[in-house]
Amino acid sequence: MSLMDFSSWPREQEQSFIVYEQRTQEASSKALIGGIIAGAIVFVLAIGIYAGVEPDRTNYGKDMNMQNLNKKQDGK
């Protein structure tokens, strides 16, 4: 991207904004790199948790009395 001739202002006035454009580009690239690094850290952490933590395999239904959930056979 060209840092000059971005408006119809006089060249001297336009060149005074080059410093701000450079700062904006630097901040944008730092933010992108920071976002990529943060995303990679979260991804590695999520994979580590997924692979390292075993889910709870408790069967809560084994002790339930299922007889009261069935329909009565005597016609009521």
N, C-alpha and C. Protein backbone atom coordinates (compact mmCIF):
# COMPACT_ATOMS: atom_id res chain seq x y z
N MET A 1 0.84 -1.17 0.00
CA MET A 1 0.00 0.00 0.00
C MET A 1 0.89 1.23 0.00
N SER A 2 0.55 2.16 -0.83
CA SER A 2 1.32 3.40 -0.93
C SER A 2 0.98 4.31 0.24
N LEU A 3 2.01 4.94 0.80
CA LEU A 3 1.80 5.82 1.93
C LEU A 3 1.65 7.28 1.50
N MET A 4 1.47 7.51 0.23
CA MET A 4 1.25 8.88 -0.22
C MET A 4 0.21 8.88 -1.32
N ASP A 5 -0.30 10.05 -1.62
CA ASP A 5 -1.32 10.22 -2.65
C ASP A 5 -2.58 9.43 -2.34
N PHE A 6 -3.08 9.54 -1.12
CA PHE A 6 -4.31 8.85 -0.78
C PHE A 6 -5.49 9.80 -0.66
N SER A 7 -5.29 11.08 -0.93
CA SER A 7 -6.40 12.03 -0.93
C SER A 7 -6.10 13.15 -1.92
N SER A 8 -6.99 14.08 -2.00
CA SER A 8 -6.81 15.19 -2.94
C SER A 8 -6.21 16.41 -2.25
N TRP A 9 -5.65 16.26 -1.08
CA TRP A 9 -5.03 17.38 -0.38
C TRP A 9 -3.68 17.72 -1.00
N PRO A 10 -3.14 18.87 -0.70
CA PRO A 10 -1.80 19.20 -1.19
C PRO A 10 -0.78 18.20 -0.66
N ARG A 11 0.26 17.96 -1.42
CA ARG A 11 1.25 16.94 -1.11
C ARG A 11 1.89 17.14 0.27
N GLU A 12 2.21 18.37 0.65
CA GLU A 12 2.83 18.63 1.95
C GLU A 12 1.90 18.27 3.10
N GLN A 13 0.63 18.60 2.94
CA GLN A 13 -0.34 18.29 4.00
C GLN A 13 -0.61 16.78 4.06
N GLU A 14 -0.62 16.18 2.90
CA GLU A 14 -0.85 14.74 2.84
C GLU A 14 0.30 13.96 3.47
N GLN A 15 1.51 14.41 3.29
CA GLN A 15 2.68 13.73 3.84
C GLN A 15 2.73 13.80 5.36
N SER A 16 2.03 14.74 5.95
CA SER A 16 2.02 14.81 7.41
C SER A 16 1.25 13.64 8.04
N PHE A 17 0.45 12.95 7.25
CA PHE A 17 -0.32 11.81 7.76
C PHE A 17 0.40 10.48 7.58
N ILE A 18 1.55 10.48 6.92
CA ILE A 18 2.29 9.24 6.68
C ILE A 18 2.69 8.59 8.00
N VAL A 19 3.05 9.38 8.98
CA VAL A 19 3.44 8.84 10.28
C VAL A 19 2.28 8.05 10.90
N TYR A 20 1.09 8.58 10.77
CA TYR A 20 -0.08 7.90 11.35
C TYR A 20 -0.42 6.63 10.58
N GLU A 21 -0.23 6.66 9.27
CA GLU A 21 -0.47 5.44 8.49
C GLU A 21 0.53 4.35 8.86
N GLN A 22 1.78 4.72 9.03
CA GLN A 22 2.79 3.74 9.42
C GLN A 22 2.48 3.15 10.78
N ARG A 23 2.09 4.00 11.70
CA ARG A 23 1.73 3.52 13.05
C ARG A 23 0.53 2.59 13.00
N THR A 24 -0.44 2.92 12.16
CA THR A 24 -1.62 2.07 12.02
C THR A 24 -1.24 0.71 11.44
N GLN A 25 -0.38 0.69 10.45
CA GLN A 25 0.05 -0.58 9.86
C GLN A 25 0.84 -1.42 10.86
N GLU A 26 1.70 -0.78 11.64
CA GLU A 26 2.46 -1.51 12.65
C GLU A 26 1.54 -2.10 13.72
N ALA A 27 0.59 -1.30 14.18
CA ALA A 27 -0.34 -1.78 15.20
C ALA A 27 -1.21 -2.90 14.66
N SER A 28 -1.61 -2.80 13.40
CA SER A 28 -2.42 -3.84 12.80
C SER A 28 -1.66 -5.15 12.68
N SER A 29 -0.40 -5.09 12.28
CA SER A 29 0.37 -6.32 12.16
C SER A 29 0.66 -6.93 13.53
N LYS A 30 0.93 -6.09 14.54
CA LYS A 30 1.14 -6.61 15.90
C LYS A 30 -0.13 -7.26 16.44
N ALA A 31 -1.27 -6.64 16.15
CA ALA A 31 -2.54 -7.21 16.63
C ALA A 31 -2.83 -8.54 15.95
N LEU A 32 -2.53 -8.64 14.67
CA LEU A 32 -2.75 -9.90 13.95
C LEU A 32 -1.85 -11.00 14.49
N ILE A 33 -0.59 -10.69 14.70
CA ILE A 33 0.34 -11.67 15.25
C ILE A 33 -0.08 -12.08 16.66
N GLY A 34 -0.47 -11.10 17.47
CA GLY A 34 -0.95 -11.43 18.83
C GLY A 34 -2.18 -12.30 18.81
N GLY A 35 -3.09 -12.03 17.89
CA GLY A 35 -4.30 -12.86 17.77
C GLY A 35 -4.00 -14.27 17.34
N ILE A 36 -3.07 -14.41 16.41
CA ILE A 36 -2.69 -15.74 15.94
C ILE A 36 -2.02 -16.53 17.06
N ILE A 37 -1.15 -15.87 17.81
CA ILE A 37 -0.47 -16.54 18.93
C ILE A 37 -1.47 -16.94 20.01
N ALA A 38 -2.39 -16.04 20.34
CA ALA A 38 -3.41 -16.36 21.36
C ALA A 38 -4.30 -17.50 20.89
N GLY A 39 -4.68 -17.50 19.62
CA GLY A 39 -5.50 -18.58 19.08
C GLY A 39 -4.78 -19.92 19.13
N ALA A 40 -3.49 -19.90 18.81
CA ALA A 40 -2.70 -21.14 18.86
C ALA A 40 -2.59 -21.66 20.29
N ILE A 41 -2.40 -20.76 21.24
CA ILE A 41 -2.32 -21.18 22.65
C ILE A 41 -3.63 -21.80 23.10
N VAL A 42 -4.75 -21.17 22.77
CA VAL A 42 -6.06 -21.71 23.16
C VAL A 42 -6.30 -23.05 22.48
N PHE A 43 -5.90 -23.18 21.21
CA PHE A 43 -6.08 -24.44 20.50
C PHE A 43 -5.28 -25.57 21.16
N VAL A 44 -4.03 -25.30 21.48
CA VAL A 44 -3.18 -26.31 22.13
C VAL A 44 -3.75 -26.67 23.50
N LEU A 45 -4.21 -25.68 24.24
CA LEU A 45 -4.81 -25.93 25.55
C LEU A 45 -6.07 -26.78 25.42
N ALA A 46 -6.91 -26.47 24.44
CA ALA A 46 -8.14 -27.25 24.25
C ALA A 46 -7.84 -28.68 23.86
N ILE A 47 -6.87 -28.89 22.97
CA ILE A 47 -6.49 -30.25 22.58
C ILE A 47 -5.91 -31.00 23.78
N GLY A 48 -5.12 -30.30 24.59
CA GLY A 48 -4.54 -30.94 25.78
C GLY A 48 -5.61 -31.35 26.78
N ILE A 49 -6.59 -30.49 26.98
CA ILE A 49 -7.68 -30.84 27.90
C ILE A 49 -8.51 -31.98 27.34
N TYR A 50 -8.81 -31.92 26.03
CA TYR A 50 -9.61 -32.98 25.41
C TYR A 50 -8.90 -34.34 25.49
N ALA A 51 -7.61 -34.34 25.25
CA ALA A 51 -6.87 -35.60 25.24
C ALA A 51 -6.48 -36.06 26.64
N GLY A 52 -6.33 -35.13 27.58
CA GLY A 52 -5.79 -35.50 28.88
C GLY A 52 -6.80 -35.75 29.97
N VAL A 53 -8.02 -35.29 29.81
CA VAL A 53 -9.02 -35.44 30.86
C VAL A 53 -10.04 -36.48 30.44
N GLU A 54 -10.14 -37.53 31.23
CA GLU A 54 -11.09 -38.59 30.92
C GLU A 54 -12.48 -38.20 31.42
N PRO A 55 -13.51 -38.41 30.59
CA PRO A 55 -14.86 -38.04 31.02
C PRO A 55 -15.37 -38.96 32.13
N ASP A 56 -16.31 -38.45 32.91
CA ASP A 56 -16.93 -39.22 33.98
C ASP A 56 -17.86 -40.26 33.37
N ARG A 57 -17.65 -41.51 33.68
CA ARG A 57 -18.43 -42.58 33.07
C ARG A 57 -19.43 -43.20 34.06
N THR A 58 -19.94 -42.41 34.97
CA THR A 58 -20.90 -42.91 35.94
C THR A 58 -22.24 -43.17 35.27
N ASN A 59 -22.81 -44.35 35.51
CA ASN A 59 -24.11 -44.69 34.96
C ASN A 59 -25.16 -44.42 36.04
N TYR A 60 -25.82 -43.31 35.92
CA TYR A 60 -26.81 -42.93 36.93
C TYR A 60 -28.11 -43.72 36.79
N GLY A 61 -28.35 -44.31 35.65
CA GLY A 61 -29.59 -45.03 35.43
C GLY A 61 -29.59 -46.46 35.94
N LYS A 62 -28.49 -47.00 36.37
CA LYS A 62 -28.44 -48.40 36.79
C LYS A 62 -29.18 -48.65 38.10
N ASP A 63 -29.29 -47.63 38.95
CA ASP A 63 -29.96 -47.80 40.24
C ASP A 63 -31.42 -47.35 40.22
N MET A 64 -31.91 -46.91 39.08
CA MET A 64 -33.29 -46.41 39.04
C MET A 64 -34.28 -47.56 38.92
N ASN A 65 -35.45 -47.39 39.51
CA ASN A 65 -36.53 -48.36 39.40
C ASN A 65 -37.33 -48.01 38.16
N MET A 66 -37.19 -48.82 37.12
CA MET A 66 -37.86 -48.55 35.86
C MET A 66 -39.25 -49.17 35.80
N GLN A 67 -39.64 -49.91 36.81
CA GLN A 67 -40.94 -50.57 36.79
C GLN A 67 -42.09 -49.57 36.82
N ASN A 68 -41.91 -48.43 37.46
CA ASN A 68 -43.01 -47.47 37.56
C ASN A 68 -43.15 -46.65 36.27
N LEU A 69 -42.28 -46.83 35.31
CA LEU A 69 -42.39 -46.10 34.05
C LEU A 69 -43.11 -46.91 32.98
N ASN A 70 -43.24 -48.20 33.18
CA ASN A 70 -43.92 -49.05 32.20
C ASN A 70 -45.43 -48.95 32.38
N LYS A 71 -46.17 -49.19 31.26
CA LYS A 71 -47.63 -49.18 31.33
C LYS A 71 -48.13 -50.41 32.07
N LYS A 72 -49.19 -50.23 32.78
CA LYS A 72 -49.79 -51.37 33.50
C LYS A 72 -50.50 -52.27 32.50
N GLN A 73 -50.39 -53.55 32.72
CA GLN A 73 -50.97 -54.51 31.81
C GLN A 73 -52.43 -54.88 32.15
N ASP A 74 -52.94 -54.40 33.30
CA ASP A 74 -54.27 -54.84 33.73
C ASP A 74 -55.37 -53.93 33.17
N GLY A 75 -55.10 -52.99 32.24
CA GLY A 75 -56.14 -52.23 31.57
C GLY A 75 -56.50 -50.91 32.25
N LYS A 76 -55.84 -50.47 33.24
CA LYS A 76 -56.16 -49.21 33.91
C LYS A 76 -55.57 -48.04 33.22
